[in-house]
Amino acid sequence: MHNPLIFEQNLWVVWGVALDILSILFGSLLGDAGGEKRVHARFKFWHSAAQLPYLLWKHSILSTSGYCSAVVPLIRTRVPLPGQKGDLYAAYFWTYTYASLDWLYDAFYVNGVKRVPFELMELLLTPLALAVWAPK
């Protein structure tokens, strides 16, 4: 695979997406962010109410870059999964659907099952992606 990383308008860009945005997406997908692809790909970010400032940080960067709505995510009650006690409070948001992100979805999902795309680690496991993946 050739190196798709280029410097364009004072930004590092990979396959048409700014590297800082890809770092947030890649690091989040290494964690518990999820994706879906109908016609094109979109990604869901959700965190517990205790992690709301962290979610809002991601949302702020992605929304000001045009990757999601500017509407601020609200804390919602989630029905507990079997074996969990009490209500769960969480907030979430989705990115917009983009054809330019299909390749990222395809790298992470094979037949609808999430996997780690080791072939992209050298290119996309940036210090920012690592910090987003393991923020503590």
N, C-alpha and C. Protein backbone atom coordinates (compact mmCIF):
# COMPACT_ATOMS: atom_id res chain seq x y z
N MET A 1 0.85 -1.18 0.00
CA MET A 1 0.00 0.00 0.00
C MET A 1 0.90 1.24 0.00
N HIS A 2 0.62 2.19 -0.89
CA HIS A 2 1.40 3.42 -0.91
C HIS A 2 0.99 4.30 0.28
N ASN A 3 1.86 5.22 0.63
CA ASN A 3 1.58 6.10 1.76
C ASN A 3 0.62 7.20 1.31
N PRO A 4 -0.60 7.22 1.82
CA PRO A 4 -1.60 8.20 1.39
C PRO A 4 -1.50 9.53 2.15
N LEU A 5 -0.50 9.68 3.02
CA LEU A 5 -0.36 10.87 3.85
C LEU A 5 0.25 12.00 3.02
N ILE A 6 -0.47 13.12 2.91
CA ILE A 6 0.04 14.28 2.18
C ILE A 6 -0.15 15.54 3.02
N PHE A 7 0.62 16.57 2.74
CA PHE A 7 0.48 17.85 3.42
C PHE A 7 -0.26 18.79 2.49
N GLU A 8 -1.43 19.27 2.93
CA GLU A 8 -2.31 20.04 2.07
C GLU A 8 -2.92 21.18 2.87
N GLN A 9 -2.74 22.41 2.44
CA GLN A 9 -3.31 23.59 3.10
C GLN A 9 -3.02 23.59 4.59
N ASN A 10 -1.73 23.39 4.94
CA ASN A 10 -1.25 23.41 6.33
C ASN A 10 -1.81 22.30 7.20
N LEU A 11 -2.32 21.22 6.60
CA LEU A 11 -2.84 20.07 7.33
C LEU A 11 -2.28 18.79 6.75
N TRP A 12 -2.01 17.83 7.63
CA TRP A 12 -1.72 16.48 7.15
C TRP A 12 -3.05 15.83 6.82
N VAL A 13 -3.14 15.25 5.64
CA VAL A 13 -4.39 14.69 5.14
C VAL A 13 -4.15 13.25 4.71
N VAL A 14 -5.08 12.35 5.06
CA VAL A 14 -5.03 10.96 4.64
C VAL A 14 -6.34 10.65 3.91
N TRP A 15 -6.24 10.24 2.67
CA TRP A 15 -7.41 9.91 1.86
C TRP A 15 -8.49 11.00 1.95
N GLY A 16 -8.08 12.25 1.91
CA GLY A 16 -9.01 13.36 1.88
C GLY A 16 -9.56 13.80 3.22
N VAL A 17 -9.09 13.21 4.32
CA VAL A 17 -9.58 13.56 5.65
C VAL A 17 -8.39 14.04 6.49
N ALA A 18 -8.57 15.16 7.20
CA ALA A 18 -7.49 15.70 8.03
C ALA A 18 -7.03 14.68 9.06
N LEU A 19 -5.71 14.60 9.26
CA LEU A 19 -5.14 13.58 10.13
C LEU A 19 -5.64 13.71 11.58
N ASP A 20 -5.86 14.93 12.07
CA ASP A 20 -6.36 15.06 13.44
C ASP A 20 -7.78 14.48 13.57
N ILE A 21 -8.61 14.67 12.56
CA ILE A 21 -9.96 14.08 12.57
C ILE A 21 -9.86 12.56 12.51
N LEU A 22 -9.01 12.06 11.62
CA LEU A 22 -8.82 10.61 11.53
C LEU A 22 -8.28 10.04 12.83
N SER A 23 -7.42 10.78 13.50
CA SER A 23 -6.86 10.30 14.78
C SER A 23 -7.96 10.15 15.82
N ILE A 24 -8.88 11.10 15.87
CA ILE A 24 -10.00 11.01 16.81
C ILE A 24 -10.91 9.84 16.43
N LEU A 25 -11.21 9.71 15.15
CA LEU A 25 -12.06 8.60 14.70
C LEU A 25 -11.38 7.25 14.97
N PHE A 26 -10.11 7.13 14.57
CA PHE A 26 -9.39 5.87 14.71
C PHE A 26 -9.24 5.48 16.18
N GLY A 27 -8.81 6.42 17.01
CA GLY A 27 -8.67 6.13 18.44
C GLY A 27 -9.98 5.76 19.09
N SER A 28 -11.05 6.44 18.71
CA SER A 28 -12.37 6.14 19.26
C SER A 28 -12.85 4.76 18.83
N LEU A 29 -12.62 4.43 17.56
CA LEU A 29 -13.04 3.12 17.06
C LEU A 29 -12.21 1.98 17.67
N LEU A 30 -10.97 2.26 18.04
CA LEU A 30 -10.20 1.25 18.77
C LEU A 30 -10.84 0.98 20.13
N GLY A 31 -11.55 1.98 20.64
CA GLY A 31 -12.28 1.83 21.89
C GLY A 31 -13.71 1.40 21.62
N ASP A 32 -14.66 2.12 22.23
CA ASP A 32 -16.05 1.65 22.14
C ASP A 32 -16.93 2.43 21.17
N ALA A 33 -16.36 3.30 20.36
CA ALA A 33 -17.17 3.94 19.32
C ALA A 33 -17.59 2.86 18.32
N GLY A 34 -18.66 3.13 17.64
CA GLY A 34 -19.17 2.15 16.68
C GLY A 34 -19.48 2.79 15.35
N GLY A 35 -19.73 1.98 14.38
CA GLY A 35 -20.04 2.49 13.06
C GLY A 35 -21.17 1.73 12.41
N GLU A 36 -21.72 2.34 11.39
CA GLU A 36 -22.70 1.66 10.55
C GLU A 36 -22.55 2.19 9.14
N LYS A 37 -22.95 1.35 8.21
CA LYS A 37 -22.86 1.75 6.81
C LYS A 37 -24.13 1.29 6.11
N ARG A 38 -24.90 2.26 5.70
CA ARG A 38 -26.07 1.96 4.88
C ARG A 38 -25.62 2.16 3.44
N VAL A 39 -25.74 3.38 2.95
CA VAL A 39 -25.15 3.70 1.66
C VAL A 39 -23.68 4.10 1.89
N HIS A 40 -23.45 4.96 2.90
CA HIS A 40 -22.10 5.37 3.27
C HIS A 40 -21.96 5.28 4.79
N ALA A 41 -20.76 5.51 5.27
CA ALA A 41 -20.43 5.27 6.68
C ALA A 41 -20.72 6.47 7.58
N ARG A 42 -21.06 6.13 8.82
CA ARG A 42 -21.15 7.12 9.89
C ARG A 42 -20.74 6.41 11.18
N PHE A 43 -20.36 7.22 12.19
CA PHE A 43 -19.83 6.65 13.43
C PHE A 43 -20.54 7.24 14.64
N LYS A 44 -20.71 6.40 15.67
CA LYS A 44 -21.41 6.80 16.89
C LYS A 44 -20.42 6.86 18.04
N PHE A 45 -20.48 7.96 18.78
CA PHE A 45 -19.67 8.17 19.97
C PHE A 45 -20.61 8.25 21.16
N TRP A 46 -20.38 7.46 22.18
CA TRP A 46 -21.19 7.57 23.38
C TRP A 46 -20.32 7.32 24.60
N HIS A 47 -20.67 8.03 25.67
CA HIS A 47 -19.96 7.89 26.94
C HIS A 47 -20.96 8.04 28.07
N SER A 48 -20.59 7.52 29.21
CA SER A 48 -21.43 7.67 30.39
C SER A 48 -21.47 9.14 30.79
N ALA A 49 -22.45 9.48 31.61
CA ALA A 49 -22.59 10.87 32.07
C ALA A 49 -21.32 11.35 32.77
N ALA A 50 -20.62 10.46 33.45
CA ALA A 50 -19.38 10.83 34.14
C ALA A 50 -18.30 11.28 33.15
N GLN A 51 -18.40 10.82 31.91
CA GLN A 51 -17.41 11.17 30.89
C GLN A 51 -17.93 12.22 29.91
N LEU A 52 -18.97 12.95 30.32
CA LEU A 52 -19.58 13.94 29.42
C LEU A 52 -18.57 14.98 28.93
N PRO A 53 -17.70 15.54 29.78
CA PRO A 53 -16.75 16.53 29.25
C PRO A 53 -15.87 15.96 28.13
N TYR A 54 -15.48 14.70 28.25
CA TYR A 54 -14.67 14.05 27.22
C TYR A 54 -15.46 13.90 25.92
N LEU A 55 -16.72 13.48 26.02
CA LEU A 55 -17.57 13.37 24.84
C LEU A 55 -17.76 14.74 24.19
N LEU A 56 -17.97 15.77 25.01
CA LEU A 56 -18.18 17.11 24.47
C LEU A 56 -16.92 17.65 23.78
N TRP A 57 -15.75 17.25 24.26
CA TRP A 57 -14.50 17.63 23.60
C TRP A 57 -14.45 17.03 22.19
N LYS A 58 -14.74 15.74 22.09
CA LYS A 58 -14.76 15.08 20.77
C LYS A 58 -15.80 15.75 19.87
N HIS A 59 -16.99 15.98 20.43
CA HIS A 59 -18.08 16.58 19.66
C HIS A 59 -17.68 17.97 19.15
N SER A 60 -17.05 18.76 19.98
CA SER A 60 -16.65 20.11 19.60
C SER A 60 -15.71 20.09 18.40
N ILE A 61 -14.72 19.21 18.44
CA ILE A 61 -13.76 19.12 17.34
C ILE A 61 -14.44 18.63 16.06
N LEU A 62 -15.23 17.59 16.18
CA LEU A 62 -15.88 17.03 14.99
C LEU A 62 -16.94 17.97 14.42
N SER A 63 -17.68 18.66 15.29
CA SER A 63 -18.73 19.55 14.78
C SER A 63 -18.13 20.80 14.14
N THR A 64 -17.09 21.38 14.74
CA THR A 64 -16.49 22.57 14.13
C THR A 64 -15.76 22.23 12.83
N SER A 65 -15.42 20.96 12.64
CA SER A 65 -14.79 20.52 11.40
C SER A 65 -15.81 20.05 10.37
N GLY A 66 -17.10 20.09 10.72
CA GLY A 66 -18.15 19.74 9.78
C GLY A 66 -18.47 18.26 9.69
N TYR A 67 -18.04 17.47 10.68
CA TYR A 67 -18.28 16.03 10.63
C TYR A 67 -19.51 15.59 11.41
N CYS A 68 -20.12 16.50 12.16
CA CYS A 68 -21.37 16.16 12.87
C CYS A 68 -22.13 17.44 13.15
N SER A 69 -23.35 17.29 13.60
CA SER A 69 -24.21 18.42 13.94
C SER A 69 -23.61 19.21 15.10
N ALA A 70 -23.89 20.50 15.12
CA ALA A 70 -23.44 21.35 16.22
C ALA A 70 -24.34 21.21 17.46
N VAL A 71 -25.45 20.49 17.34
CA VAL A 71 -26.34 20.30 18.48
C VAL A 71 -25.60 19.51 19.56
N VAL A 72 -25.55 20.08 20.75
CA VAL A 72 -24.79 19.48 21.85
C VAL A 72 -25.50 18.22 22.35
N PRO A 73 -24.76 17.11 22.50
CA PRO A 73 -25.37 15.88 23.01
C PRO A 73 -25.92 16.07 24.43
N LEU A 74 -27.06 15.48 24.69
CA LEU A 74 -27.69 15.55 26.01
C LEU A 74 -27.55 14.21 26.73
N ILE A 75 -27.55 14.26 28.04
CA ILE A 75 -27.51 13.03 28.83
C ILE A 75 -28.89 12.39 28.78
N ARG A 76 -28.92 11.11 28.50
CA ARG A 76 -30.18 10.37 28.39
C ARG A 76 -30.11 9.14 29.30
N THR A 77 -31.28 8.64 29.66
CA THR A 77 -31.35 7.40 30.43
C THR A 77 -31.36 6.25 29.44
N ARG A 78 -30.56 5.26 29.72
CA ARG A 78 -30.48 4.09 28.86
C ARG A 78 -30.98 2.88 29.64
N VAL A 79 -31.70 2.02 28.99
CA VAL A 79 -32.21 0.81 29.64
C VAL A 79 -31.01 -0.10 29.94
N PRO A 80 -30.92 -0.60 31.18
CA PRO A 80 -29.79 -1.47 31.51
C PRO A 80 -29.79 -2.77 30.72
N LEU A 81 -28.61 -3.25 30.43
CA LEU A 81 -28.47 -4.55 29.79
C LEU A 81 -28.73 -5.64 30.81
N PRO A 82 -29.02 -6.86 30.39
CA PRO A 82 -29.22 -7.94 31.36
C PRO A 82 -28.00 -8.06 32.29
N GLY A 83 -28.28 -8.13 33.57
CA GLY A 83 -27.22 -8.25 34.57
C GLY A 83 -26.75 -6.92 35.13
N GLN A 84 -27.14 -5.79 34.51
CA GLN A 84 -26.78 -4.48 35.04
C GLN A 84 -27.90 -3.98 35.95
N LYS A 85 -27.51 -3.25 36.98
CA LYS A 85 -28.49 -2.74 37.94
C LYS A 85 -28.70 -1.25 37.73
N GLY A 86 -29.94 -0.84 37.83
CA GLY A 86 -30.27 0.58 37.76
C GLY A 86 -30.21 1.15 36.36
N ASP A 87 -30.67 2.39 36.26
CA ASP A 87 -30.63 3.09 34.99
C ASP A 87 -29.21 3.54 34.69
N LEU A 88 -28.90 3.62 33.43
CA LEU A 88 -27.60 4.12 33.00
C LEU A 88 -27.81 5.47 32.35
N TYR A 89 -26.94 6.38 32.65
CA TYR A 89 -27.03 7.71 32.06
C TYR A 89 -25.85 7.90 31.12
N ALA A 90 -26.16 8.27 29.89
CA ALA A 90 -25.13 8.40 28.87
C ALA A 90 -25.54 9.48 27.87
N ALA A 91 -24.56 9.92 27.13
CA ALA A 91 -24.80 10.87 26.04
C ALA A 91 -24.10 10.32 24.80
N TYR A 92 -24.65 10.65 23.64
CA TYR A 92 -24.05 10.16 22.41
C TYR A 92 -24.32 11.13 21.26
N PHE A 93 -23.56 10.97 20.20
CA PHE A 93 -23.83 11.67 18.95
C PHE A 93 -23.30 10.82 17.81
N TRP A 94 -23.84 11.08 16.62
CA TRP A 94 -23.41 10.41 15.40
C TRP A 94 -22.69 11.41 14.51
N THR A 95 -21.72 10.95 13.75
CA THR A 95 -21.17 11.80 12.70
C THR A 95 -22.19 11.84 11.56
N TYR A 96 -21.97 12.76 10.66
CA TYR A 96 -22.73 12.74 9.43
C TYR A 96 -22.27 11.53 8.62
N THR A 97 -23.04 11.17 7.64
CA THR A 97 -22.70 10.08 6.73
C THR A 97 -21.83 10.64 5.61
N TYR A 98 -20.66 10.02 5.42
CA TYR A 98 -19.72 10.48 4.40
C TYR A 98 -19.18 9.32 3.58
N ALA A 99 -19.18 9.47 2.26
CA ALA A 99 -18.54 8.49 1.40
C ALA A 99 -17.04 8.46 1.65
N SER A 100 -16.47 9.61 2.04
CA SER A 100 -15.02 9.67 2.28
C SER A 100 -14.59 8.90 3.52
N LEU A 101 -15.54 8.41 4.31
CA LEU A 101 -15.21 7.60 5.49
C LEU A 101 -15.54 6.12 5.30
N ASP A 102 -16.02 5.75 4.12
CA ASP A 102 -16.35 4.34 3.87
C ASP A 102 -15.15 3.44 4.09
N TRP A 103 -13.97 3.85 3.63
CA TRP A 103 -12.77 3.02 3.75
C TRP A 103 -12.45 2.73 5.22
N LEU A 104 -12.71 3.73 6.11
CA LEU A 104 -12.43 3.54 7.54
C LEU A 104 -13.40 2.52 8.13
N TYR A 105 -14.67 2.64 7.77
CA TYR A 105 -15.64 1.64 8.21
C TYR A 105 -15.24 0.25 7.70
N ASP A 106 -14.90 0.17 6.43
CA ASP A 106 -14.53 -1.13 5.84
C ASP A 106 -13.29 -1.72 6.49
N ALA A 107 -12.39 -0.87 6.96
CA ALA A 107 -11.19 -1.37 7.65
C ALA A 107 -11.54 -1.96 9.01
N PHE A 108 -12.51 -1.37 9.70
CA PHE A 108 -12.88 -1.81 11.04
C PHE A 108 -13.93 -2.91 11.05
N TYR A 109 -14.75 -3.01 10.02
CA TYR A 109 -15.86 -3.96 10.03
C TYR A 109 -15.77 -4.93 8.85
N VAL A 110 -15.79 -6.21 9.16
CA VAL A 110 -15.82 -7.25 8.14
C VAL A 110 -17.08 -8.07 8.38
N ASN A 111 -17.97 -8.09 7.40
CA ASN A 111 -19.27 -8.76 7.54
C ASN A 111 -20.03 -8.28 8.77
N GLY A 112 -19.94 -6.98 9.06
CA GLY A 112 -20.66 -6.39 10.17
C GLY A 112 -20.04 -6.61 11.54
N VAL A 113 -18.88 -7.25 11.60
CA VAL A 113 -18.22 -7.54 12.88
C VAL A 113 -17.00 -6.62 13.01
N LYS A 114 -16.93 -5.92 14.14
CA LYS A 114 -15.82 -5.00 14.38
C LYS A 114 -14.54 -5.77 14.65
N ARG A 115 -13.44 -5.27 14.07
CA ARG A 115 -12.12 -5.86 14.26
C ARG A 115 -11.11 -4.73 14.37
N VAL A 116 -9.90 -5.04 14.76
CA VAL A 116 -8.82 -4.06 14.80
C VAL A 116 -8.06 -4.14 13.47
N PRO A 117 -8.00 -3.04 12.73
CA PRO A 117 -7.31 -3.07 11.44
C PRO A 117 -5.80 -2.84 11.62
N PHE A 118 -5.10 -3.91 11.94
CA PHE A 118 -3.67 -3.80 12.22
C PHE A 118 -2.90 -3.19 11.06
N GLU A 119 -3.40 -3.35 9.85
CA GLU A 119 -2.71 -2.81 8.68
C GLU A 119 -2.67 -1.28 8.66
N LEU A 120 -3.53 -0.64 9.46
CA LEU A 120 -3.55 0.82 9.52
C LEU A 120 -2.83 1.39 10.74
N MET A 121 -2.38 0.53 11.64
CA MET A 121 -1.78 1.00 12.89
C MET A 121 -0.59 1.93 12.66
N GLU A 122 0.32 1.56 11.77
CA GLU A 122 1.52 2.36 11.56
C GLU A 122 1.17 3.76 11.05
N LEU A 123 0.17 3.86 10.23
CA LEU A 123 -0.22 5.14 9.65
C LEU A 123 -1.10 5.97 10.59
N LEU A 124 -2.06 5.34 11.26
CA LEU A 124 -3.08 6.10 11.99
C LEU A 124 -2.99 6.05 13.51
N LEU A 125 -2.12 5.23 14.08
CA LEU A 125 -1.99 5.23 15.54
C LEU A 125 -1.04 6.37 15.93
N THR A 126 -1.56 7.57 15.80
CA THR A 126 -0.82 8.79 16.12
C THR A 126 -0.87 9.02 17.63
N PRO A 127 -0.06 9.94 18.16
CA PRO A 127 -0.17 10.26 19.59
C PRO A 127 -1.59 10.69 19.98
N LEU A 128 -2.28 11.44 19.12
CA LEU A 128 -3.65 11.84 19.42
C LEU A 128 -4.58 10.62 19.43
N ALA A 129 -4.46 9.74 18.45
CA ALA A 129 -5.30 8.53 18.41
C ALA A 129 -5.08 7.69 19.66
N LEU A 130 -3.83 7.57 20.07
CA LEU A 130 -3.51 6.79 21.28
C LEU A 130 -4.12 7.43 22.52
N ALA A 131 -4.05 8.76 22.60
CA ALA A 131 -4.64 9.48 23.74
C ALA A 131 -6.16 9.34 23.76
N VAL A 132 -6.79 9.34 22.59
CA VAL A 132 -8.25 9.19 22.52
C VAL A 132 -8.64 7.77 22.88
N TRP A 133 -7.86 6.80 22.45
CA TRP A 133 -8.15 5.38 22.72
C TRP A 133 -8.03 5.08 24.20
N ALA A 134 -7.02 5.59 24.85
CA ALA A 134 -6.76 5.31 26.27
C ALA A 134 -6.54 6.63 27.01
N PRO A 135 -7.64 7.37 27.29
CA PRO A 135 -7.50 8.71 27.83
C PRO A 135 -7.04 8.83 29.28
N LYS A 136 -6.99 7.73 30.01
CA LYS A 136 -6.66 7.85 31.43
C LYS A 136 -5.17 7.79 31.66
